[in-house]
Amino acid sequence: MGTPIIMQPQIGILALGAVRKKPAVIETPQGDVIGVRQMMFLSHSYDHRVVDGSLGGMFVRRVADYLEAFEIDRKL
């Protein structure tokens, strides 16, 4: 995991880590269990003079939501 560096005149950059299998807590109706899931790190940097921290966080959350709901067989 690292911190991406902004190259001026850009105002932001998104870094995607490698997808790796990691143990994770999975919530089920019967209780929590530990299972193996594919995970990756998303990190971003942006110029705080242009982008508010809340807006930057919403952006990364939206990207994560899209990736988590990705379906390989989905029709375009």
N, C-alpha and C. Protein backbone atom coordinates (compact mmCIF):
# COMPACT_ATOMS: atom_id res chain seq x y z
N MET A 1 0.85 -1.17 0.00
CA MET A 1 0.00 0.00 0.00
C MET A 1 0.89 1.23 0.00
N GLY A 2 0.47 2.25 -0.71
CA GLY A 2 1.26 3.45 -0.77
C GLY A 2 0.37 4.66 -0.96
N THR A 3 0.99 5.81 -1.01
CA THR A 3 0.27 7.06 -1.24
C THR A 3 0.62 7.58 -2.62
N PRO A 4 -0.38 7.71 -3.49
CA PRO A 4 -0.08 8.24 -4.83
C PRO A 4 0.29 9.72 -4.76
N ILE A 5 1.17 10.12 -5.65
CA ILE A 5 1.65 11.50 -5.70
C ILE A 5 0.96 12.23 -6.85
N ILE A 6 0.42 13.39 -6.57
CA ILE A 6 -0.26 14.20 -7.59
C ILE A 6 0.79 14.87 -8.47
N MET A 7 0.59 14.76 -9.77
CA MET A 7 1.46 15.45 -10.73
C MET A 7 0.71 16.70 -11.19
N GLN A 8 1.25 17.87 -10.87
CA GLN A 8 0.60 19.13 -11.27
C GLN A 8 0.54 19.23 -12.79
N PRO A 9 -0.51 19.68 -13.40
CA PRO A 9 -1.63 20.46 -12.85
C PRO A 9 -2.83 19.63 -12.44
N GLN A 10 -2.73 18.29 -12.34
CA GLN A 10 -3.85 17.49 -11.89
C GLN A 10 -4.18 17.82 -10.44
N ILE A 11 -5.43 17.51 -10.04
CA ILE A 11 -5.83 17.81 -8.66
C ILE A 11 -6.06 16.56 -7.83
N GLY A 12 -6.00 15.38 -8.46
CA GLY A 12 -6.21 14.15 -7.69
C GLY A 12 -5.69 12.94 -8.43
N ILE A 13 -5.49 11.86 -7.67
CA ILE A 13 -5.03 10.61 -8.26
C ILE A 13 -5.56 9.47 -7.41
N LEU A 14 -5.94 8.37 -8.07
CA LEU A 14 -6.44 7.18 -7.40
C LEU A 14 -5.45 6.04 -7.63
N ALA A 15 -5.09 5.33 -6.57
CA ALA A 15 -4.19 4.19 -6.68
C ALA A 15 -4.95 2.92 -6.33
N LEU A 16 -4.76 1.88 -7.12
CA LEU A 16 -5.41 0.60 -6.89
C LEU A 16 -4.33 -0.42 -6.55
N GLY A 17 -4.52 -1.13 -5.44
CA GLY A 17 -3.58 -2.16 -5.04
C GLY A 17 -3.91 -3.48 -5.72
N ALA A 18 -3.08 -4.46 -5.49
CA ALA A 18 -3.29 -5.79 -6.05
C ALA A 18 -4.43 -6.50 -5.32
N VAL A 19 -5.20 -7.29 -6.05
CA VAL A 19 -6.26 -8.09 -5.44
C VAL A 19 -5.61 -9.32 -4.81
N ARG A 20 -5.85 -9.52 -3.52
CA ARG A 20 -5.26 -10.64 -2.79
C ARG A 20 -6.31 -11.26 -1.89
N LYS A 21 -6.16 -12.54 -1.63
CA LYS A 21 -7.06 -13.23 -0.71
C LYS A 21 -6.63 -12.93 0.71
N LYS A 22 -7.61 -12.53 1.55
CA LYS A 22 -7.35 -12.19 2.94
C LYS A 22 -8.47 -12.73 3.82
N PRO A 23 -8.17 -13.04 5.08
CA PRO A 23 -9.24 -13.42 5.99
C PRO A 23 -10.10 -12.20 6.32
N ALA A 24 -11.41 -12.43 6.44
CA ALA A 24 -12.32 -11.33 6.74
C ALA A 24 -13.48 -11.85 7.58
N VAL A 25 -14.06 -10.98 8.39
CA VAL A 25 -15.24 -11.32 9.17
C VAL A 25 -16.45 -11.18 8.27
N ILE A 26 -17.28 -12.22 8.20
CA ILE A 26 -18.47 -12.23 7.37
C ILE A 26 -19.68 -12.31 8.30
N GLU A 27 -20.59 -11.35 8.18
CA GLU A 27 -21.78 -11.33 9.01
C GLU A 27 -22.86 -12.20 8.37
N THR A 28 -23.38 -13.16 9.13
CA THR A 28 -24.44 -14.04 8.66
C THR A 28 -25.59 -14.00 9.68
N PRO A 29 -26.78 -14.46 9.29
CA PRO A 29 -27.89 -14.51 10.26
C PRO A 29 -27.58 -15.39 11.47
N GLN A 30 -26.71 -16.39 11.30
CA GLN A 30 -26.34 -17.27 12.40
C GLN A 30 -25.22 -16.71 13.27
N GLY A 31 -24.62 -15.61 12.85
CA GLY A 31 -23.53 -15.01 13.61
C GLY A 31 -22.34 -14.73 12.70
N ASP A 32 -21.31 -14.15 13.27
CA ASP A 32 -20.12 -13.81 12.50
C ASP A 32 -19.24 -15.04 12.31
N VAL A 33 -18.65 -15.14 11.10
CA VAL A 33 -17.69 -16.20 10.80
C VAL A 33 -16.50 -15.58 10.09
N ILE A 34 -15.38 -16.26 10.12
CA ILE A 34 -14.20 -15.79 9.40
C ILE A 34 -14.10 -16.59 8.12
N GLY A 35 -13.94 -15.88 7.01
CA GLY A 35 -13.81 -16.52 5.71
C GLY A 35 -12.74 -15.84 4.88
N VAL A 36 -12.41 -16.45 3.77
CA VAL A 36 -11.41 -15.88 2.87
C VAL A 36 -12.14 -15.09 1.78
N ARG A 37 -11.73 -13.85 1.57
CA ARG A 37 -12.32 -12.98 0.56
C ARG A 37 -11.22 -12.30 -0.23
N GLN A 38 -11.53 -11.97 -1.47
CA GLN A 38 -10.57 -11.22 -2.28
C GLN A 38 -10.72 -9.74 -1.93
N MET A 39 -9.60 -9.10 -1.60
CA MET A 39 -9.61 -7.70 -1.17
C MET A 39 -8.48 -6.94 -1.86
N MET A 40 -8.64 -5.63 -1.93
CA MET A 40 -7.58 -4.76 -2.43
C MET A 40 -7.69 -3.41 -1.77
N PHE A 41 -6.58 -2.69 -1.74
CA PHE A 41 -6.56 -1.35 -1.18
C PHE A 41 -6.84 -0.32 -2.26
N LEU A 42 -7.65 0.66 -1.92
CA LEU A 42 -7.86 1.85 -2.74
C LEU A 42 -7.32 3.02 -1.93
N SER A 43 -6.50 3.83 -2.54
CA SER A 43 -6.04 5.04 -1.86
C SER A 43 -6.05 6.18 -2.85
N HIS A 44 -6.21 7.36 -2.32
CA HIS A 44 -6.25 8.53 -3.22
C HIS A 44 -5.62 9.73 -2.52
N SER A 45 -5.13 10.61 -3.35
CA SER A 45 -4.60 11.89 -2.89
C SER A 45 -5.25 12.97 -3.73
N TYR A 46 -5.46 14.12 -3.14
CA TYR A 46 -6.06 15.22 -3.89
C TYR A 46 -5.63 16.53 -3.26
N ASP A 47 -5.76 17.58 -4.06
CA ASP A 47 -5.40 18.92 -3.63
C ASP A 47 -6.55 19.47 -2.77
N HIS A 48 -6.32 19.64 -1.48
CA HIS A 48 -7.37 20.09 -0.57
C HIS A 48 -7.82 21.52 -0.84
N ARG A 49 -7.09 22.24 -1.66
CA ARG A 49 -7.54 23.58 -2.03
C ARG A 49 -8.69 23.51 -3.02
N VAL A 50 -8.84 22.36 -3.70
CA VAL A 50 -9.87 22.19 -4.73
C VAL A 50 -10.95 21.20 -4.30
N VAL A 51 -10.55 20.10 -3.66
CA VAL A 51 -11.48 19.02 -3.31
C VAL A 51 -11.57 18.91 -1.79
N ASP A 52 -12.79 18.97 -1.27
CA ASP A 52 -13.03 18.80 0.16
C ASP A 52 -12.82 17.33 0.55
N GLY A 53 -12.36 17.08 1.76
CA GLY A 53 -12.12 15.72 2.21
C GLY A 53 -13.36 14.85 2.17
N SER A 54 -14.50 15.42 2.48
CA SER A 54 -15.76 14.66 2.44
C SER A 54 -16.08 14.20 1.02
N LEU A 55 -15.90 15.08 0.06
CA LEU A 55 -16.15 14.74 -1.35
C LEU A 55 -15.17 13.67 -1.82
N GLY A 56 -13.91 13.77 -1.42
CA GLY A 56 -12.92 12.75 -1.78
C GLY A 56 -13.28 11.40 -1.20
N GLY A 57 -13.74 11.37 0.04
CA GLY A 57 -14.16 10.12 0.67
C GLY A 57 -15.37 9.51 -0.02
N MET A 58 -16.32 10.36 -0.43
CA MET A 58 -17.50 9.86 -1.15
C MET A 58 -17.11 9.25 -2.49
N PHE A 59 -16.11 9.85 -3.15
CA PHE A 59 -15.63 9.32 -4.43
C PHE A 59 -15.07 7.91 -4.26
N VAL A 60 -14.20 7.72 -3.28
CA VAL A 60 -13.59 6.40 -3.07
C VAL A 60 -14.66 5.39 -2.65
N ARG A 61 -15.63 5.80 -1.84
CA ARG A 61 -16.71 4.89 -1.45
C ARG A 61 -17.51 4.45 -2.67
N ARG A 62 -17.80 5.38 -3.61
CA ARG A 62 -18.55 5.05 -4.81
C ARG A 62 -17.77 4.09 -5.69
N VAL A 63 -16.47 4.31 -5.85
CA VAL A 63 -15.64 3.39 -6.63
C VAL A 63 -15.66 2.01 -5.99
N ALA A 64 -15.52 1.94 -4.67
CA ALA A 64 -15.54 0.66 -3.97
C ALA A 64 -16.89 -0.05 -4.15
N ASP A 65 -17.98 0.71 -4.07
CA ASP A 65 -19.31 0.12 -4.26
C ASP A 65 -19.44 -0.48 -5.66
N TYR A 66 -18.98 0.24 -6.68
CA TYR A 66 -19.03 -0.27 -8.05
C TYR A 66 -18.21 -1.56 -8.18
N LEU A 67 -17.02 -1.58 -7.62
CA LEU A 67 -16.16 -2.76 -7.72
C LEU A 67 -16.74 -3.95 -6.96
N GLU A 68 -17.34 -3.71 -5.80
CA GLU A 68 -17.91 -4.79 -5.01
C GLU A 68 -19.13 -5.41 -5.69
N ALA A 69 -19.86 -4.62 -6.49
CA ALA A 69 -21.06 -5.11 -7.16
C ALA A 69 -20.78 -5.55 -8.61
N PHE A 70 -19.53 -5.59 -9.00
CA PHE A 70 -19.16 -5.91 -10.38
C PHE A 70 -19.56 -7.34 -10.75
N GLU A 71 -20.16 -7.48 -11.91
CA GLU A 71 -20.55 -8.80 -12.42
C GLU A 71 -19.92 -8.99 -13.80
N ILE A 72 -19.13 -10.03 -13.96
CA ILE A 72 -18.39 -10.28 -15.20
C ILE A 72 -19.35 -10.55 -16.38
N ASP A 73 -20.51 -11.15 -16.10
CA ASP A 73 -21.44 -11.52 -17.16
C ASP A 73 -22.48 -10.44 -17.46
N ARG A 74 -22.36 -9.29 -16.87
CA ARG A 74 -23.35 -8.21 -17.07
C ARG A 74 -23.28 -7.69 -18.50
N LYS A 75 -24.44 -7.50 -19.10
CA LYS A 75 -24.52 -6.96 -20.47
C LYS A 75 -24.30 -5.45 -20.41
N LEU A 76 -23.57 -4.93 -21.39
CA LEU A 76 -23.33 -3.49 -21.45
C LEU A 76 -24.45 -2.79 -22.15
